[in-house]
Structure formats: C-alpha cells, structure tokens
Amino acid sequence: MKWTSALAIYLLFLALSAFFVLPFHGRKAADDDTPLVKGQDHGAPATFRPARILLQMTIVATIGFAIYYAAYVNGWVNPDVLAGRA
C-alpha cells in the first residue's frame, strides 16, 4: 500500500471517528446552572473543548486504522472474499 493511500484511509477513519466520539460529549447548557446567552439553544453544550475531542478522535482513528492495516497486511480479508467469488 502506498503511503498516500494509507494517509487517505487514515483521514477517512479520522472523519468517521467524530461520529463515535461526539455523542459522548456535552452536558447541555440547560442542565448546567450557568445562564444562557441571548439566542443560545438549550441543547447547546455548556463547555466546548475541541482539543480534547480531537485527541479522542485521533485515538479512535488510530486504533481503527491499526486494525484495518493489520487485516490488510495479513490478508485476512481480500477483494475476492468481499465480492463473494471465493
């Protein structure tokens, strides 16, 4: 596998990891005792920590890519199996 292909696949894992990480974040501002700013949605998070979210996304993406790469290198899944020819 070329390094550019590996990078593209890792970036896909990074983007998809947002769907696994983001649902676990967010105490709602309405649940917190802090006053809401005019126009703020009640479901908006009380605090937003993008660095922490990116770190967790990176960890999830790295683990997922490592599993994918191990399967690719060891030939656990090949195109013939996926296409139903084997």
PDB file of N, CA and C in Angstrom:
ATOM      1  N   MET A   1       0.841  -1.165   0.000  1.00  0.00           N
ATOM      2  CA  MET A   1       0.000   0.000   0.000  1.00  0.00           C
ATOM      3  C   MET A   1       0.893   1.237   0.000  1.00  0.00           C
ATOM      4  N   LYS A   2       0.578   2.169  -0.875  1.00  0.00           N
ATOM      5  CA  LYS A   2       1.338   3.412  -0.920  1.00  0.00           C
ATOM      6  C   LYS A   2       1.020   4.260   0.308  1.00  0.00           C
ATOM      7  N   TRP A   3       1.975   5.114   0.671  1.00  0.00           N
ATOM      8  CA  TRP A   3       1.764   5.938   1.860  1.00  0.00           C
ATOM      9  C   TRP A   3       0.637   6.942   1.645  1.00  0.00           C
ATOM     10  N   THR A   4       0.420   7.360   0.412  1.00  0.00           N
ATOM     11  CA  THR A   4      -0.673   8.293   0.152  1.00  0.00           C
ATOM     12  C   THR A   4      -2.031   7.609   0.334  1.00  0.00           C
ATOM     13  N   SER A   5      -2.111   6.344  -0.050  1.00  0.00           N
ATOM     14  CA  SER A   5      -3.346   5.595   0.163  1.00  0.00           C
ATOM     15  C   SER A   5      -3.594   5.388   1.650  1.00  0.00           C
ATOM     16  N   ALA A   6      -2.540   5.052   2.372  1.00  0.00           N
ATOM     17  CA  ALA A   6      -2.667   4.866   3.819  1.00  0.00           C
ATOM     18  C   ALA A   6      -3.098   6.168   4.492  1.00  0.00           C
ATOM     19  N   LEU A   7      -2.545   7.289   4.057  1.00  0.00           N
ATOM     20  CA  LEU A   7      -2.922   8.587   4.627  1.00  0.00           C
ATOM     21  C   LEU A   7      -4.386   8.901   4.341  1.00  0.00           C
ATOM     22  N   ALA A   8      -4.827   8.648   3.117  1.00  0.00           N
ATOM     23  CA  ALA A   8      -6.226   8.913   2.761  1.00  0.00           C
ATOM     24  C   ALA A   8      -7.172   8.047   3.585  1.00  0.00           C
ATOM     25  N   ILE A   9      -6.830   6.792   3.776  1.00  0.00           N
ATOM     26  CA  ILE A   9      -7.681   5.894   4.561  1.00  0.00           C
ATOM     27  C   ILE A   9      -7.672   6.311   6.026  1.00  0.00           C
ATOM     28  N   TYR A  10      -6.508   6.737   6.536  1.00  0.00           N
ATOM     29  CA  TYR A  10      -6.454   7.214   7.925  1.00  0.00           C
ATOM     30  C   TYR A  10      -7.318   8.464   8.107  1.00  0.00           C
ATOM     31  N   LEU A  11      -7.290   9.365   7.145  1.00  0.00           N
ATOM     32  CA  LEU A  11      -8.124  10.565   7.241  1.00  0.00           C
ATOM     33  C   LEU A  11      -9.608  10.210   7.209  1.00  0.00           C
ATOM     34  N   LEU A  12      -9.968   9.183   6.457  1.00  0.00           N
ATOM     35  CA  LEU A  12     -11.354   8.711   6.483  1.00  0.00           C
ATOM     36  C   LEU A  12     -11.721   8.163   7.860  1.00  0.00           C
ATOM     37  N   PHE A  13     -10.821   7.400   8.444  1.00  0.00           N
ATOM     38  CA  PHE A  13     -11.055   6.904   9.803  1.00  0.00           C
ATOM     39  C   PHE A  13     -11.172   8.070  10.785  1.00  0.00           C
ATOM     40  N   LEU A  14     -10.362   9.099  10.593  1.00  0.00           N
ATOM     41  CA  LEU A  14     -10.414  10.261  11.482  1.00  0.00           C
ATOM     42  C   LEU A  14     -11.751  10.977  11.356  1.00  0.00           C
ATOM     43  N   ALA A  15     -12.231  11.138  10.151  1.00  0.00           N
ATOM     44  CA  ALA A  15     -13.520  11.808   9.950  1.00  0.00           C
ATOM     45  C   ALA A  15     -14.664  10.970  10.526  1.00  0.00           C
ATOM     46  N   LEU A  16     -14.623   9.663  10.319  1.00  0.00           N
ATOM     47  CA  LEU A  16     -15.682   8.799  10.828  1.00  0.00           C
ATOM     48  C   LEU A  16     -15.650   8.661  12.351  1.00  0.00           C
ATOM     49  N   SER A  17     -14.477   8.854  12.944  1.00  0.00           N
ATOM     50  CA  SER A  17     -14.386   8.736  14.401  1.00  0.00           C
ATOM     51  C   SER A  17     -15.160   9.845  15.106  1.00  0.00           C
ATOM     52  N   ALA A  18     -15.439  10.937  14.416  1.00  0.00           N
ATOM     53  CA  ALA A  18     -16.239  12.006  15.024  1.00  0.00           C
ATOM     54  C   ALA A  18     -17.618  11.489  15.405  1.00  0.00           C
ATOM     55  N   PHE A  19     -18.178  10.584  14.601  1.00  0.00           N
ATOM     56  CA  PHE A  19     -19.496  10.040  14.887  1.00  0.00           C
ATOM     57  C   PHE A  19     -19.491   9.126  16.114  1.00  0.00           C
ATOM     58  N   PHE A  20     -18.319   8.599  16.469  1.00  0.00           N
ATOM     59  CA  PHE A  20     -18.219   7.769  17.662  1.00  0.00           C
ATOM     60  C   PHE A  20     -17.896   8.585  18.898  1.00  0.00           C
ATOM     61  N   VAL A  21     -17.181   9.694  18.736  1.00  0.00           N
ATOM     62  CA  VAL A  21     -16.712  10.473  19.876  1.00  0.00           C
ATOM     63  C   VAL A  21     -17.715  11.541  20.307  1.00  0.00           C
ATOM     64  N   LEU A  22     -18.268  12.272  19.378  1.00  0.00           N
ATOM     65  CA  LEU A  22     -19.105  13.421  19.714  1.00  0.00           C
ATOM     66  C   LEU A  22     -20.353  13.097  20.535  1.00  0.00           C
ATOM     67  N   PRO A  23     -21.026  11.977  20.347  1.00  0.00           N
ATOM     68  CA  PRO A  23     -22.213  11.728  21.180  1.00  0.00           C
ATOM     69  C   PRO A  23     -21.919  11.605  22.672  1.00  0.00           C
ATOM     70  N   PHE A  24     -20.670  11.347  23.034  1.00  0.00           N
ATOM     71  CA  PHE A  24     -20.336  11.206  24.450  1.00  0.00           C
ATOM     72  C   PHE A  24     -19.970  12.536  25.099  1.00  0.00           C
ATOM     73  N   HIS A  25     -19.991  13.608  24.336  1.00  0.00           N
ATOM     74  CA  HIS A  25     -19.636  14.917  24.867  1.00  0.00           C
ATOM     75  C   HIS A  25     -20.874  15.765  24.988  1.00  0.00           C
ATOM     76  N   GLY A  26     -20.886  16.552  25.983  1.00  0.00           N
ATOM     77  CA  GLY A  26     -21.893  17.570  26.039  1.00  0.00           C
ATOM     78  C   GLY A  26     -22.888  17.457  27.156  1.00  0.00           C
ATOM     79  N   ARG A  27     -22.568  18.123  28.245  1.00  0.00           N
ATOM     80  CA  ARG A  27     -23.629  18.441  29.180  1.00  0.00           C
ATOM     81  C   ARG A  27     -24.345  19.617  28.554  1.00  0.00           C
ATOM     82  N   LYS A  28     -25.617  19.555  28.539  1.00  0.00           N
ATOM     83  CA  LYS A  28     -26.375  20.641  27.927  1.00  0.00           C
ATOM     84  C   LYS A  28     -26.282  21.886  28.786  1.00  0.00           C
ATOM     85  N   ALA A  29     -26.335  23.039  28.139  1.00  0.00           N
ATOM     86  CA  ALA A  29     -26.303  24.303  28.865  1.00  0.00           C
ATOM     87  C   ALA A  29     -27.522  24.436  29.761  1.00  0.00           C
ATOM     88  N   ALA A  30     -28.642  23.857  29.364  1.00  0.00           N
ATOM     89  CA  ALA A  30     -29.849  23.920  30.180  1.00  0.00           C
ATOM     90  C   ALA A  30     -29.691  23.097  31.462  1.00  0.00           C
ATOM     91  N   ASP A  31     -28.876  22.041  31.420  1.00  0.00           N
ATOM     92  CA  ASP A  31     -28.651  21.219  32.609  1.00  0.00           C
ATOM     93  C   ASP A  31     -27.699  21.891  33.582  1.00  0.00           C
ATOM     94  N   ASP A  32     -26.844  22.739  33.083  1.00  0.00           N
ATOM     95  CA  ASP A  32     -25.873  23.445  33.903  1.00  0.00           C
ATOM     96  C   ASP A  32     -26.550  24.663  34.542  1.00  0.00           C
ATOM     97  N   ASP A  33     -25.968  25.167  35.605  1.00  0.00           N
ATOM     98  CA  ASP A  33     -26.555  26.328  36.278  1.00  0.00           C
ATOM     99  C   ASP A  33     -26.088  27.646  35.690  1.00  0.00           C
ATOM    100  N   THR A  34     -25.297  27.616  34.639  1.00  0.00           N
ATOM    101  CA  THR A  34     -24.830  28.859  34.034  1.00  0.00           C
ATOM    102  C   THR A  34     -25.955  29.486  33.225  1.00  0.00           C
ATOM    103  N   PRO A  35     -26.045  30.800  33.248  1.00  0.00           N
ATOM    104  CA  PRO A  35     -27.121  31.453  32.486  1.00  0.00           C
ATOM    105  C   PRO A  35     -26.869  31.348  30.982  1.00  0.00           C
ATOM    106  N   LEU A  36     -27.930  31.246  30.226  1.00  0.00           N
ATOM    107  CA  LEU A  36     -27.825  31.150  28.784  1.00  0.00           C
ATOM    108  C   LEU A  36     -27.617  32.541  28.182  1.00  0.00           C
ATOM    109  N   VAL A  37     -26.830  32.581  27.133  1.00  0.00           N
ATOM    110  CA  VAL A  37     -26.622  33.807  26.381  1.00  0.00           C
ATOM    111  C   VAL A  37     -27.840  34.005  25.479  1.00  0.00           C
ATOM    112  N   LYS A  38     -28.204  35.235  25.216  1.00  0.00           N
ATOM    113  CA  LYS A  38     -29.367  35.500  24.381  1.00  0.00           C
ATOM    114  C   LYS A  38     -29.176  34.838  23.011  1.00  0.00           C
ATOM    115  N   GLY A  39     -30.136  34.014  22.620  1.00  0.00           N
ATOM    116  CA  GLY A  39     -30.073  33.316  21.350  1.00  0.00           C
ATOM    117  C   GLY A  39     -29.436  31.936  21.430  1.00  0.00           C
ATOM    118  N   GLN A  40     -28.908  31.552  22.593  1.00  0.00           N
ATOM    119  CA  GLN A  40     -28.267  30.242  22.740  1.00  0.00           C
ATOM    120  C   GLN A  40     -29.320  29.146  22.847  1.00  0.00           C
ATOM    121  N   ASP A  41     -29.102  28.066  22.154  1.00  0.00           N
ATOM    122  CA  ASP A  41     -30.014  26.930  22.199  1.00  0.00           C
ATOM    123  C   ASP A  41     -29.863  26.213  23.529  1.00  0.00           C
ATOM    124  N   HIS A  42     -30.976  25.699  24.054  1.00  0.00           N
ATOM    125  CA  HIS A  42     -30.932  24.984  25.331  1.00  0.00           C
ATOM    126  C   HIS A  42     -30.174  23.671  25.232  1.00  0.00           C
ATOM    127  N   GLY A  43     -30.066  23.118  24.032  1.00  0.00           N
ATOM    128  CA  GLY A  43     -29.356  21.859  23.843  1.00  0.00           C
ATOM    129  C   GLY A  43     -27.882  22.024  23.515  1.00  0.00           C
ATOM    130  N   ALA A  44     -27.416  23.272  23.427  1.00  0.00           N
ATOM    131  CA  ALA A  44     -26.008  23.523  23.121  1.00  0.00           C
ATOM    132  C   ALA A  44     -25.139  23.092  24.297  1.00  0.00           C
ATOM    133  N   PRO A  45     -23.919  22.614  24.025  1.00  0.00           N
ATOM    134  CA  PRO A  45     -23.056  22.193  25.134  1.00  0.00           C
ATOM    135  C   PRO A  45     -22.665  23.367  26.027  1.00  0.00           C
ATOM    136  N   ALA A  46     -22.553  23.083  27.320  1.00  0.00           N
ATOM    137  CA  ALA A  46     -22.184  24.122  28.275  1.00  0.00           C
ATOM    138  C   ALA A  46     -20.735  24.543  28.076  1.00  0.00           C
ATOM    139  N   THR A  47     -19.865  23.575  27.845  1.00  0.00           N
ATOM    140  CA  THR A  47     -18.459  23.867  27.560  1.00  0.00           C
ATOM    141  C   THR A  47     -18.052  23.078  26.333  1.00  0.00           C
ATOM    142  N   PHE A  48     -17.206  23.681  25.522  1.00  0.00           N
ATOM    143  CA  PHE A  48     -16.744  23.027  24.302  1.00  0.00           C
ATOM    144  C   PHE A  48     -15.233  22.947  24.360  1.00  0.00           C
ATOM    145  N   ARG A  49     -14.686  21.750  24.311  1.00  0.00           N
ATOM    146  CA  ARG A  49     -13.245  21.520  24.388  1.00  0.00           C
ATOM    147  C   ARG A  49     -12.776  20.827  23.115  1.00  0.00           C
ATOM    148  N   PRO A  50     -12.452  21.609  22.077  1.00  0.00           N
ATOM    149  CA  PRO A  50     -12.084  20.988  20.800  1.00  0.00           C
ATOM    150  C   PRO A  50     -10.792  20.187  20.863  1.00  0.00           C
ATOM    151  N   ALA A  51      -9.823  20.598  21.676  1.00  0.00           N
ATOM    152  CA  ALA A  51      -8.562  19.858  21.756  1.00  0.00           C
ATOM    153  C   ALA A  51      -8.793  18.454  22.325  1.00  0.00           C
ATOM    154  N   ARG A  52      -9.634  18.370  23.336  1.00  0.00           N
ATOM    155  CA  ARG A  52      -9.932  17.073  23.942  1.00  0.00           C
ATOM    156  C   ARG A  52     -10.675  16.168  22.955  1.00  0.00           C
ATOM    157  N   ILE A  53     -11.613  16.749  22.217  1.00  0.00           N
ATOM    158  CA  ILE A  53     -12.368  15.979  21.233  1.00  0.00           C
ATOM    159  C   ILE A  53     -11.448  15.486  20.119  1.00  0.00           C
ATOM    160  N   LEU A  54     -10.561  16.349  19.631  1.00  0.00           N
ATOM    161  CA  LEU A  54      -9.617  15.940  18.579  1.00  0.00           C
ATOM    162  C   LEU A  54      -8.671  14.851  19.057  1.00  0.00           C
ATOM    163  N   LEU A  55      -8.235  14.947  20.313  1.00  0.00           N
ATOM    164  CA  LEU A  55      -7.359  13.902  20.867  1.00  0.00           C
ATOM    165  C   LEU A  55      -8.091  12.561  20.912  1.00  0.00           C
ATOM    166  N   GLN A  56      -9.327  12.566  21.378  1.00  0.00           N
ATOM    167  CA  GLN A  56     -10.091  11.321  21.441  1.00  0.00           C
ATOM    168  C   GLN A  56     -10.393  10.787  20.047  1.00  0.00           C
ATOM    169  N   MET A  57     -10.689  11.676  19.100  1.00  0.00           N
ATOM    170  CA  MET A  57     -10.905  11.244  17.722  1.00  0.00           C
ATOM    171  C   MET A  57      -9.653  10.611  17.144  1.00  0.00           C
ATOM    172  N   THR A  58      -8.488  11.190  17.434  1.00  0.00           N
ATOM    173  CA  THR A  58      -7.224  10.659  16.935  1.00  0.00           C
ATOM    174  C   THR A  58      -6.949   9.271  17.506  1.00  0.00           C
ATOM    175  N   ILE A  59      -7.243   9.086  18.782  1.00  0.00           N
ATOM    176  CA  ILE A  59      -7.030   7.778  19.410  1.00  0.00           C
ATOM    177  C   ILE A  59      -7.941   6.733  18.771  1.00  0.00           C
ATOM    178  N   VAL A  60      -9.216   7.063  18.599  1.00  0.00           N
ATOM    179  CA  VAL A  60     -10.167   6.115  17.999  1.00  0.00           C
ATOM    180  C   VAL A  60      -9.769   5.809  16.557  1.00  0.00           C
ATOM    181  N   ALA A  61      -9.378   6.833  15.786  1.00  0.00           N
ATOM    182  CA  ALA A  61      -8.991   6.630  14.391  1.00  0.00           C
ATOM    183  C   ALA A  61      -7.723   5.793  14.287  1.00  0.00           C
ATOM    184  N   THR A  62      -6.769   6.003  15.168  1.00  0.00           N
ATOM    185  CA  THR A  62      -5.523   5.245  15.132  1.00  0.00           C
ATOM    186  C   THR A  62      -5.775   3.774  15.444  1.00  0.00           C
ATOM    187  N   ILE A  63      -6.615   3.512  16.420  1.00  0.00           N
ATOM    188  CA  ILE A  63      -6.937   2.114  16.748  1.00  0.00           C
ATOM    189  C   ILE A  63      -7.662   1.452  15.578  1.00  0.00           C
ATOM    190  N   GLY A  64      -8.625   2.146  15.004  1.00  0.00           N
ATOM    191  CA  GLY A  64      -9.358   1.594  13.868  1.00  0.00           C
ATOM    192  C   GLY A  64      -8.463   1.355  12.668  1.00  0.00           C
ATOM    193  N   PHE A  65      -7.580   2.307  12.373  1.00  0.00           N
ATOM    194  CA  PHE A  65      -6.669   2.139  11.243  1.00  0.00           C
ATOM    195  C   PHE A  65      -5.676   1.010  11.498  1.00  0.00           C
ATOM    196  N   ALA A  66      -5.214   0.859  12.729  1.00  0.00           N
ATOM    197  CA  ALA A  66      -4.277  -0.228  13.050  1.00  0.00           C
ATOM    198  C   ALA A  66      -4.926  -1.590  12.809  1.00  0.00           C
ATOM    199  N   ILE A  67      -6.182  -1.719  13.195  1.00  0.00           N
ATOM    200  CA  ILE A  67      -6.900  -2.981  12.952  1.00  0.00           C
ATOM    201  C   ILE A  67      -7.070  -3.205  11.454  1.00  0.00           C
ATOM    202  N   TYR A  68      -7.446  -2.150  10.735  1.00  0.00           N
ATOM    203  CA  TYR A  68      -7.609  -2.255   9.279  1.00  0.00           C
ATOM    204  C   TYR A  68      -6.280  -2.643   8.618  1.00  0.00           C
ATOM    205  N   TYR A  69      -5.190  -1.982   9.009  1.00  0.00           N
ATOM    206  CA  TYR A  69      -3.897  -2.233   8.378  1.00  0.00           C
ATOM    207  C   TYR A  69      -3.401  -3.649   8.681  1.00  0.00           C
ATOM    208  N   ALA A  70      -3.637  -4.102   9.905  1.00  0.00           N
ATOM    209  CA  ALA A  70      -3.240  -5.478  10.243  1.00  0.00           C
ATOM    210  C   ALA A  70      -4.016  -6.475   9.388  1.00  0.00           C
ATOM    211  N   ALA A  71      -5.295  -6.234   9.176  1.00  0.00           N
ATOM    212  CA  ALA A  71      -6.095  -7.119   8.328  1.00  0.00           C
ATOM    213  C   ALA A  71      -5.619  -7.060   6.882  1.00  0.00           C
ATOM    214  N   TYR A  72      -5.222  -5.882   6.415  1.00  0.00           N
ATOM    215  CA  TYR A  72      -4.741  -5.723   5.040  1.00  0.00           C
ATOM    216  C   TYR A  72      -3.412  -6.447   4.836  1.00  0.00           C
ATOM    217  N   VAL A  73      -2.477  -6.249   5.749  1.00  0.00           N
ATOM    218  CA  VAL A  73      -1.139  -6.841   5.613  1.00  0.00           C
ATOM    219  C   VAL A  73      -1.199  -8.362   5.726  1.00  0.00           C
ATOM    220  N   ASN A  74      -2.003  -8.865   6.653  1.00  0.00           N
ATOM    221  CA  ASN A  74      -2.070 -10.312   6.866  1.00  0.00           C
ATOM    222  C   ASN A  74      -3.011 -11.019   5.906  1.00  0.00           C
ATOM    223  N   GLY A  75      -3.720 -10.278   5.084  1.00  0.00           N
ATOM    224  CA  GLY A  75      -4.598 -10.876   4.092  1.00  0.00           C
ATOM    225  C   GLY A  75      -5.830 -11.542   4.671  1.00  0.00           C
ATOM    226  N   TRP A  76      -6.302 -11.063   5.821  1.00  0.00           N
ATOM    227  CA  TRP A  76      -7.478 -11.654   6.441  1.00  0.00           C
ATOM    228  C   TRP A  76      -8.723 -11.437   5.589  1.00  0.00           C
ATOM    229  N   VAL A  77      -8.768 -10.313   4.899  1.00  0.00           N
ATOM    230  CA  VAL A  77      -9.885 -10.019   4.012  1.00  0.00           C
ATOM    231  C   VAL A  77      -9.291  -9.559   2.687  1.00  0.00           C
ATOM    232  N   ASN A  78      -9.717 -10.188   1.606  1.00  0.00           N
ATOM    233  CA  ASN A  78      -9.232  -9.767   0.300  1.00  0.00           C
ATOM    234  C   ASN A  78     -10.418  -9.426  -0.599  1.00  0.00           C
ATOM    235  N   PRO A  79     -10.189  -8.810  -1.725  1.00  0.00           N
ATOM    236  CA  PRO A  79     -11.294  -8.395  -2.604  1.00  0.00           C
ATOM    237  C   PRO A  79     -12.160  -9.546  -3.077  1.00  0.00           C
ATOM    238  N   ASP A  80     -11.578 -10.728  -3.259  1.00  0.00           N
ATOM    239  CA  ASP A  80     -12.380 -11.876  -3.712  1.00  0.00           C
ATOM    240  C   ASP A  80     -13.412 -12.275  -2.668  1.00  0.00           C
ATOM    241  N   VAL A  81     -13.025 -12.239  -1.400  1.00  0.00           N
ATOM    242  CA  VAL A  81     -13.959 -12.582  -0.343  1.00  0.00           C
ATOM    243  C   VAL A  81     -15.081 -11.547  -0.276  1.00  0.00           C
ATOM    244  N   LEU A  82     -14.716 -10.291  -0.389  1.00  0.00           N
ATOM    245  CA  LEU A  82     -15.722  -9.227  -0.320  1.00  0.00           C
ATOM    246  C   LEU A  82     -16.687  -9.274  -1.491  1.00  0.00           C
ATOM    247  N   ALA A  83     -16.219  -9.678  -2.655  1.00  0.00           N
ATOM    248  CA  ALA A  83     -17.063  -9.745  -3.839  1.00  0.00           C
ATOM    249  C   ALA A  83     -17.860 -11.060  -3.911  1.00  0.00           C
ATOM    250  N   GLY A  84     -17.572 -11.992  -3.026  1.00  0.00           N
ATOM    251  CA  GLY A  84     -18.316 -13.260  -2.999  1.00  0.00           C
ATOM    252  C   GLY A  84     -17.802 -14.270  -4.004  1.00  0.00           C
ATOM    253  N   ARG A  85     -16.593 -14.083  -4.524  1.00  0.00           N
ATOM    254  CA  ARG A  85     -16.043 -15.006  -5.517  1.00  0.00           C
ATOM    255  C   ARG A  85     -15.250 -16.139  -4.884  1.00  0.00           C
ATOM    256  N   ALA A  86     -14.945 -16.043  -3.625  1.00  0.00           N
ATOM    257  CA  ALA A  86     -14.133 -17.081  -3.004  1.00  0.00           C
ATOM    258  C   ALA A  86     -14.914 -17.880  -1.998  1.00  0.00           C
TER     259      ALA A  86
END
